Amino acid sequence: MNDFMRYNPPKFNGKMSTNEGQKLEYATFLSIGETEYWWGGMQQMMEARDKAINWANFRTRFMG
C-alpha cells in the first residue's frame, strides 16, 4: 500500500468515469498476495478456455 500511495492516486469521489477495461486494470493492479496469485492462475485458465478476459468475467469469478 505504501508503494501505491507514493504515486499519490486521486481520491475516488463517485464522479469518476471509468470504462470496463479500466476497471479490470485498476482491480488487478491493486491485487496483492493471494489475490494476485489467484488472478494469474485464473487468467491462464480463461485463456486456455478461450474466455474473454474482461471486467464482467473478472467480477463474476472474483465474487463467485
N, C-alpha and C. Protein backbone atom coordinates (compact mmCIF):
# COMPACT_ATOMS: atom_id res chain seq x y z
N MET A 1 0.83 -1.18 0.00
CA MET A 1 0.00 0.00 0.00
C MET A 1 0.88 1.25 0.00
N ASN A 2 1.97 1.19 0.73
CA ASN A 2 2.86 2.36 0.76
C ASN A 2 3.40 2.69 -0.63
N ASP A 3 3.79 1.64 -1.38
CA ASP A 3 4.28 1.85 -2.74
C ASP A 3 3.20 2.51 -3.60
N PHE A 4 1.98 2.01 -3.47
CA PHE A 4 0.86 2.56 -4.24
C PHE A 4 0.62 4.02 -3.88
N MET A 5 0.61 4.33 -2.60
CA MET A 5 0.31 5.68 -2.14
C MET A 5 1.40 6.68 -2.54
N ARG A 6 2.60 6.20 -2.78
CA ARG A 6 3.69 7.06 -3.21
C ARG A 6 3.37 7.77 -4.53
N TYR A 7 2.52 7.15 -5.33
CA TYR A 7 2.13 7.74 -6.61
C TYR A 7 1.03 8.78 -6.48
N ASN A 8 0.58 9.00 -5.25
CA ASN A 8 -0.42 10.00 -4.95
C ASN A 8 -1.68 9.86 -5.83
N PRO A 9 -2.34 8.69 -5.77
CA PRO A 9 -3.52 8.50 -6.61
C PRO A 9 -4.65 9.43 -6.19
N PRO A 10 -5.51 9.81 -7.13
CA PRO A 10 -6.62 10.69 -6.77
C PRO A 10 -7.63 9.97 -5.89
N LYS A 11 -8.31 10.71 -5.07
CA LYS A 11 -9.38 10.16 -4.22
C LYS A 11 -10.59 9.86 -5.09
N PHE A 12 -11.28 8.78 -4.79
CA PHE A 12 -12.47 8.43 -5.54
C PHE A 12 -13.64 9.21 -4.97
N ASN A 13 -14.31 9.96 -5.84
CA ASN A 13 -15.42 10.78 -5.36
C ASN A 13 -16.76 10.33 -5.95
N GLY A 14 -16.77 9.23 -6.66
CA GLY A 14 -18.01 8.72 -7.24
C GLY A 14 -18.38 9.37 -8.56
N LYS A 15 -17.65 10.41 -8.94
CA LYS A 15 -17.96 11.13 -10.18
C LYS A 15 -17.01 10.74 -11.30
N MET A 16 -16.05 9.90 -10.98
CA MET A 16 -15.09 9.49 -12.00
C MET A 16 -15.73 8.53 -12.98
N SER A 17 -15.42 8.71 -14.22
CA SER A 17 -15.94 7.85 -15.27
C SER A 17 -14.85 6.87 -15.67
N THR A 18 -15.13 5.59 -15.56
CA THR A 18 -14.18 4.57 -15.98
C THR A 18 -14.87 3.59 -16.91
N ASN A 19 -14.11 3.14 -17.90
CA ASN A 19 -14.68 2.15 -18.80
C ASN A 19 -14.38 0.75 -18.26
N GLU A 20 -14.93 -0.26 -18.89
CA GLU A 20 -14.80 -1.64 -18.41
C GLU A 20 -13.33 -2.08 -18.37
N GLY A 21 -12.55 -1.68 -19.37
CA GLY A 21 -11.13 -2.04 -19.41
C GLY A 21 -10.36 -1.43 -18.25
N GLN A 22 -10.68 -0.18 -17.93
CA GLN A 22 -10.00 0.49 -16.82
C GLN A 22 -10.35 -0.16 -15.49
N LYS A 23 -11.57 -0.58 -15.32
CA LYS A 23 -11.97 -1.25 -14.08
C LYS A 23 -11.12 -2.50 -13.86
N LEU A 24 -10.94 -3.29 -14.92
CA LEU A 24 -10.13 -4.50 -14.81
C LEU A 24 -8.69 -4.15 -14.50
N GLU A 25 -8.15 -3.15 -15.18
CA GLU A 25 -6.77 -2.73 -14.92
C GLU A 25 -6.58 -2.28 -13.48
N TYR A 26 -7.48 -1.46 -12.98
CA TYR A 26 -7.38 -0.96 -11.61
C TYR A 26 -7.47 -2.08 -10.60
N ALA A 27 -8.43 -2.96 -10.78
CA ALA A 27 -8.63 -4.06 -9.82
C ALA A 27 -7.43 -4.98 -9.79
N THR A 28 -6.89 -5.32 -10.95
CA THR A 28 -5.75 -6.23 -10.96
C THR A 28 -4.47 -5.54 -10.50
N PHE A 29 -4.35 -4.24 -10.75
CA PHE A 29 -3.19 -3.50 -10.28
C PHE A 29 -3.15 -3.48 -8.75
N LEU A 30 -4.30 -3.39 -8.14
CA LEU A 30 -4.37 -3.32 -6.68
C LEU A 30 -4.33 -4.69 -6.01
N SER A 31 -4.34 -5.75 -6.78
CA SER A 31 -4.31 -7.10 -6.21
C SER A 31 -2.91 -7.43 -5.72
N ILE A 32 -2.84 -7.97 -4.52
CA ILE A 32 -1.55 -8.39 -3.95
C ILE A 32 -1.72 -9.75 -3.29
N GLY A 33 -0.62 -10.38 -2.99
CA GLY A 33 -0.63 -11.62 -2.24
C GLY A 33 -1.43 -12.73 -2.91
N GLU A 34 -2.28 -13.37 -2.14
CA GLU A 34 -3.06 -14.49 -2.65
C GLU A 34 -3.99 -14.09 -3.79
N THR A 35 -4.51 -12.88 -3.74
CA THR A 35 -5.41 -12.43 -4.80
C THR A 35 -4.65 -12.28 -6.12
N GLU A 36 -3.44 -11.75 -6.04
CA GLU A 36 -2.62 -11.60 -7.24
C GLU A 36 -2.29 -12.98 -7.82
N TYR A 37 -1.96 -13.93 -6.96
CA TYR A 37 -1.66 -15.30 -7.38
C TYR A 37 -2.90 -15.94 -8.00
N TRP A 38 -4.06 -15.75 -7.35
CA TRP A 38 -5.32 -16.29 -7.86
C TRP A 38 -5.61 -15.75 -9.25
N TRP A 39 -5.45 -14.45 -9.45
CA TRP A 39 -5.78 -13.85 -10.74
C TRP A 39 -4.85 -14.36 -11.83
N GLY A 40 -3.57 -14.54 -11.52
CA GLY A 40 -2.64 -15.08 -12.51
C GLY A 40 -3.09 -16.45 -13.00
N GLY A 41 -3.48 -17.32 -12.07
CA GLY A 41 -3.97 -18.64 -12.44
C GLY A 41 -5.29 -18.57 -13.18
N MET A 42 -6.16 -17.68 -12.76
CA MET A 42 -7.47 -17.54 -13.40
C MET A 42 -7.30 -17.05 -14.83
N GLN A 43 -6.39 -16.11 -15.06
CA GLN A 43 -6.14 -15.61 -16.41
C GLN A 43 -5.66 -16.74 -17.32
N GLN A 44 -4.75 -17.54 -16.83
CA GLN A 44 -4.24 -18.66 -17.62
C GLN A 44 -5.36 -19.64 -17.97
N MET A 45 -6.21 -19.95 -17.00
CA MET A 45 -7.31 -20.86 -17.23
C MET A 45 -8.29 -20.28 -18.26
N MET A 46 -8.60 -18.99 -18.12
CA MET A 46 -9.52 -18.34 -19.05
C MET A 46 -8.95 -18.32 -20.47
N GLU A 47 -7.67 -18.02 -20.59
CA GLU A 47 -7.04 -18.01 -21.91
C GLU A 47 -7.08 -19.40 -22.54
N ALA A 48 -6.80 -20.43 -21.75
CA ALA A 48 -6.82 -21.80 -22.26
C ALA A 48 -8.21 -22.21 -22.72
N ARG A 49 -9.23 -21.65 -22.12
CA ARG A 49 -10.61 -22.00 -22.47
C ARG A 49 -11.23 -20.98 -23.44
N ASP A 50 -10.42 -20.09 -23.97
CA ASP A 50 -10.88 -19.06 -24.90
C ASP A 50 -11.98 -18.17 -24.32
N LYS A 51 -11.88 -17.86 -23.04
CA LYS A 51 -12.83 -16.96 -22.39
C LYS A 51 -12.25 -15.54 -22.44
N ALA A 52 -13.11 -14.57 -22.64
CA ALA A 52 -12.68 -13.18 -22.67
C ALA A 52 -12.19 -12.75 -21.30
N ILE A 53 -11.06 -12.05 -21.28
CA ILE A 53 -10.54 -11.51 -20.04
C ILE A 53 -11.01 -10.06 -19.98
N ASN A 54 -12.11 -9.86 -19.29
CA ASN A 54 -12.70 -8.53 -19.20
C ASN A 54 -13.29 -8.32 -17.81
N TRP A 55 -13.78 -7.12 -17.56
CA TRP A 55 -14.30 -6.76 -16.24
C TRP A 55 -15.45 -7.67 -15.81
N ALA A 56 -16.38 -7.94 -16.70
CA ALA A 56 -17.54 -8.77 -16.33
C ALA A 56 -17.11 -10.17 -15.90
N ASN A 57 -16.19 -10.77 -16.65
CA ASN A 57 -15.74 -12.12 -16.29
C ASN A 57 -14.87 -12.11 -15.03
N PHE A 58 -14.05 -11.08 -14.87
CA PHE A 58 -13.26 -10.96 -13.65
C PHE A 58 -14.19 -10.87 -12.44
N ARG A 59 -15.15 -9.98 -12.53
CA ARG A 59 -16.09 -9.76 -11.43
C ARG A 59 -16.88 -11.02 -11.09
N THR A 60 -17.35 -11.71 -12.10
CA THR A 60 -18.09 -12.95 -11.89
C THR A 60 -17.25 -13.96 -11.13
N ARG A 61 -16.01 -14.13 -11.55
CA ARG A 61 -15.14 -15.12 -10.91
C ARG A 61 -14.70 -14.66 -9.52
N PHE A 62 -14.41 -13.38 -9.39
CA PHE A 62 -13.95 -12.85 -8.11
C PHE A 62 -15.04 -12.92 -7.04
N MET A 63 -16.26 -12.58 -7.43
CA MET A 63 -17.37 -12.56 -6.49
C MET A 63 -17.96 -13.96 -6.29
N GLY A 64 -17.66 -14.86 -7.25
CA GLY A 64 -18.21 -16.20 -7.32
C GLY A 64 -18.34 -16.92 -6.09
